[in-house]
Amino acid sequence: MKKNKYLEDFAERLDDACIATGLPKTEIARRCGFNRKQLMRMANHYSMNSFDVARFCSVTKTDANWLLGVEL
């Protein structure tokens, strides 16, 4: 199944946020309260809820609107 542009952009922004922290993804995931596999699922949009997004944004100091591609 081919991902649509929104999902590709989300995965790219999630990866950019991880890189900007300078931390390994395993450490980011640990600080979020989940494992690296869950973080990768989030990037692939398999398993994502608002609580996970909020924790990820808090740990990476990322704006949720930016991460989700919301333009205000």
C-alpha atoms as a PDB file:
ATOM      1  CA  MET A   1       0.000   0.000   0.000  1.00  0.00           C
ATOM      2  CA  LYS A   2       1.398   3.352  -1.026  1.00  0.00           C
ATOM      3  CA  LYS A   3       1.495   6.079   1.618  1.00  0.00           C
ATOM      4  CA  ASN A   4      -0.125   9.368   0.799  1.00  0.00           C
ATOM      5  CA  LYS A   5       1.757  12.673   0.902  1.00  0.00           C
ATOM      6  CA  TYR A   6       0.393  13.603   4.345  1.00  0.00           C
ATOM      7  CA  LEU A   7       1.737  10.409   5.913  1.00  0.00           C
ATOM      8  CA  GLU A   8       5.104  10.799   4.199  1.00  0.00           C
ATOM      9  CA  ASP A   9       5.360  14.392   5.446  1.00  0.00           C
ATOM     10  CA  PHE A  10       4.381  13.328   8.979  1.00  0.00           C
ATOM     11  CA  ALA A  11       7.065  10.624   9.043  1.00  0.00           C
ATOM     12  CA  GLU A  12       9.646  13.119   7.787  1.00  0.00           C
ATOM     13  CA  ARG A  13       8.706  15.715  10.422  1.00  0.00           C
ATOM     14  CA  LEU A  14       8.803  13.059  13.147  1.00  0.00           C
ATOM     15  CA  ASP A  15      12.274  12.022  11.995  1.00  0.00           C
ATOM     16  CA  ASP A  16      13.410  15.668  11.830  1.00  0.00           C
ATOM     17  CA  ALA A  17      12.206  16.209  15.399  1.00  0.00           C
ATOM     18  CA  CYS A  18      14.175  13.166  16.557  1.00  0.00           C
ATOM     19  CA  ILE A  19      17.332  14.331  14.793  1.00  0.00           C
ATOM     20  CA  ALA A  20      17.019  17.839  16.246  1.00  0.00           C
ATOM     21  CA  THR A  21      17.173  16.466  19.795  1.00  0.00           C
ATOM     22  CA  GLY A  22      20.561  14.889  19.166  1.00  0.00           C
ATOM     23  CA  LEU A  23      19.357  11.813  21.054  1.00  0.00           C
ATOM     24  CA  PRO A  24      19.105   8.268  19.749  1.00  0.00           C
ATOM     25  CA  LYS A  25      15.558   7.170  18.932  1.00  0.00           C
ATOM     26  CA  THR A  26      15.755   4.529  21.658  1.00  0.00           C
ATOM     27  CA  GLU A  27      16.322   7.276  24.226  1.00  0.00           C
ATOM     28  CA  ILE A  28      13.541   9.445  22.830  1.00  0.00           C
ATOM     29  CA  ALA A  29      11.171   6.488  22.971  1.00  0.00           C
ATOM     30  CA  ARG A  30      12.238   5.679  26.545  1.00  0.00           C
ATOM     31  CA  ARG A  31      11.597   9.266  27.639  1.00  0.00           C
ATOM     32  CA  CYS A  32       8.180   9.113  25.957  1.00  0.00           C
ATOM     33  CA  GLY A  33       7.363   5.971  27.903  1.00  0.00           C
ATOM     34  CA  PHE A  34       7.366   3.540  25.020  1.00  0.00           C
ATOM     35  CA  ASN A  35       9.905   1.425  23.154  1.00  0.00           C
ATOM     36  CA  ARG A  36      11.648   2.161  19.854  1.00  0.00           C
ATOM     37  CA  LYS A  37       9.312  -0.187  17.992  1.00  0.00           C
ATOM     38  CA  GLN A  38       6.337   1.905  19.120  1.00  0.00           C
ATOM     39  CA  LEU A  39       8.128   5.037  17.923  1.00  0.00           C
ATOM     40  CA  MET A  40       8.658   3.444  14.515  1.00  0.00           C
ATOM     41  CA  ARG A  41       4.977   2.436  14.381  1.00  0.00           C
ATOM     42  CA  MET A  42       4.078   6.032  15.140  1.00  0.00           C
ATOM     43  CA  ALA A  43       6.272   7.154  12.231  1.00  0.00           C
ATOM     44  CA  ASN A  44       4.469   4.695   9.980  1.00  0.00           C
ATOM     45  CA  HIS A  45       1.083   5.813  11.321  1.00  0.00           C
ATOM     46  CA  TYR A  46       0.211   2.303  12.470  1.00  0.00           C
ATOM     47  CA  SER A  47      -0.335   3.214  16.081  1.00  0.00           C
ATOM     48  CA  MET A  48      -0.758   6.819  17.073  1.00  0.00           C
ATOM     49  CA  ASN A  49      -3.043   8.575  19.498  1.00  0.00           C
ATOM     50  CA  SER A  50      -3.153  12.088  20.881  1.00  0.00           C
ATOM     51  CA  PHE A  51      -1.497  11.019  24.137  1.00  0.00           C
ATOM     52  CA  ASP A  52       1.485   9.549  22.240  1.00  0.00           C
ATOM     53  CA  VAL A  53       1.777  12.697  20.124  1.00  0.00           C
ATOM     54  CA  ALA A  54       1.654  14.896  23.234  1.00  0.00           C
ATOM     55  CA  ARG A  55       4.373  12.878  24.978  1.00  0.00           C
ATOM     56  CA  PHE A  56       6.545  12.880  21.848  1.00  0.00           C
ATOM     57  CA  CYS A  57       6.162  16.649  21.423  1.00  0.00           C
ATOM     58  CA  SER A  58       6.975  17.241  25.078  1.00  0.00           C
ATOM     59  CA  VAL A  59      10.152  15.164  24.924  1.00  0.00           C
ATOM     60  CA  THR A  60      11.355  16.588  21.598  1.00  0.00           C
ATOM     61  CA  LYS A  61      10.197  20.166  22.339  1.00  0.00           C
ATOM     62  CA  THR A  62       8.168  20.018  19.133  1.00  0.00           C
ATOM     63  CA  ASP A  63       4.929  21.845  18.363  1.00  0.00           C
ATOM     64  CA  ALA A  64       2.093  19.352  17.786  1.00  0.00           C
ATOM     65  CA  ASN A  65       0.572  21.512  15.044  1.00  0.00           C
ATOM     66  CA  TRP A  66       3.856  21.439  13.137  1.00  0.00           C
ATOM     67  CA  LEU A  67       4.306  17.704  13.688  1.00  0.00           C
ATOM     68  CA  LEU A  68       0.798  16.961  12.413  1.00  0.00           C
ATOM     69  CA  GLY A  69       1.070  19.389   9.501  1.00  0.00           C
ATOM     70  CA  VAL A  70      -1.654  21.711  10.757  1.00  0.00           C
ATOM     71  CA  GLU A  71      -1.460  25.190   9.310  1.00  0.00           C
ATOM     72  CA  LEU A  72      -3.214  27.874  11.324  1.00  0.00           C
END
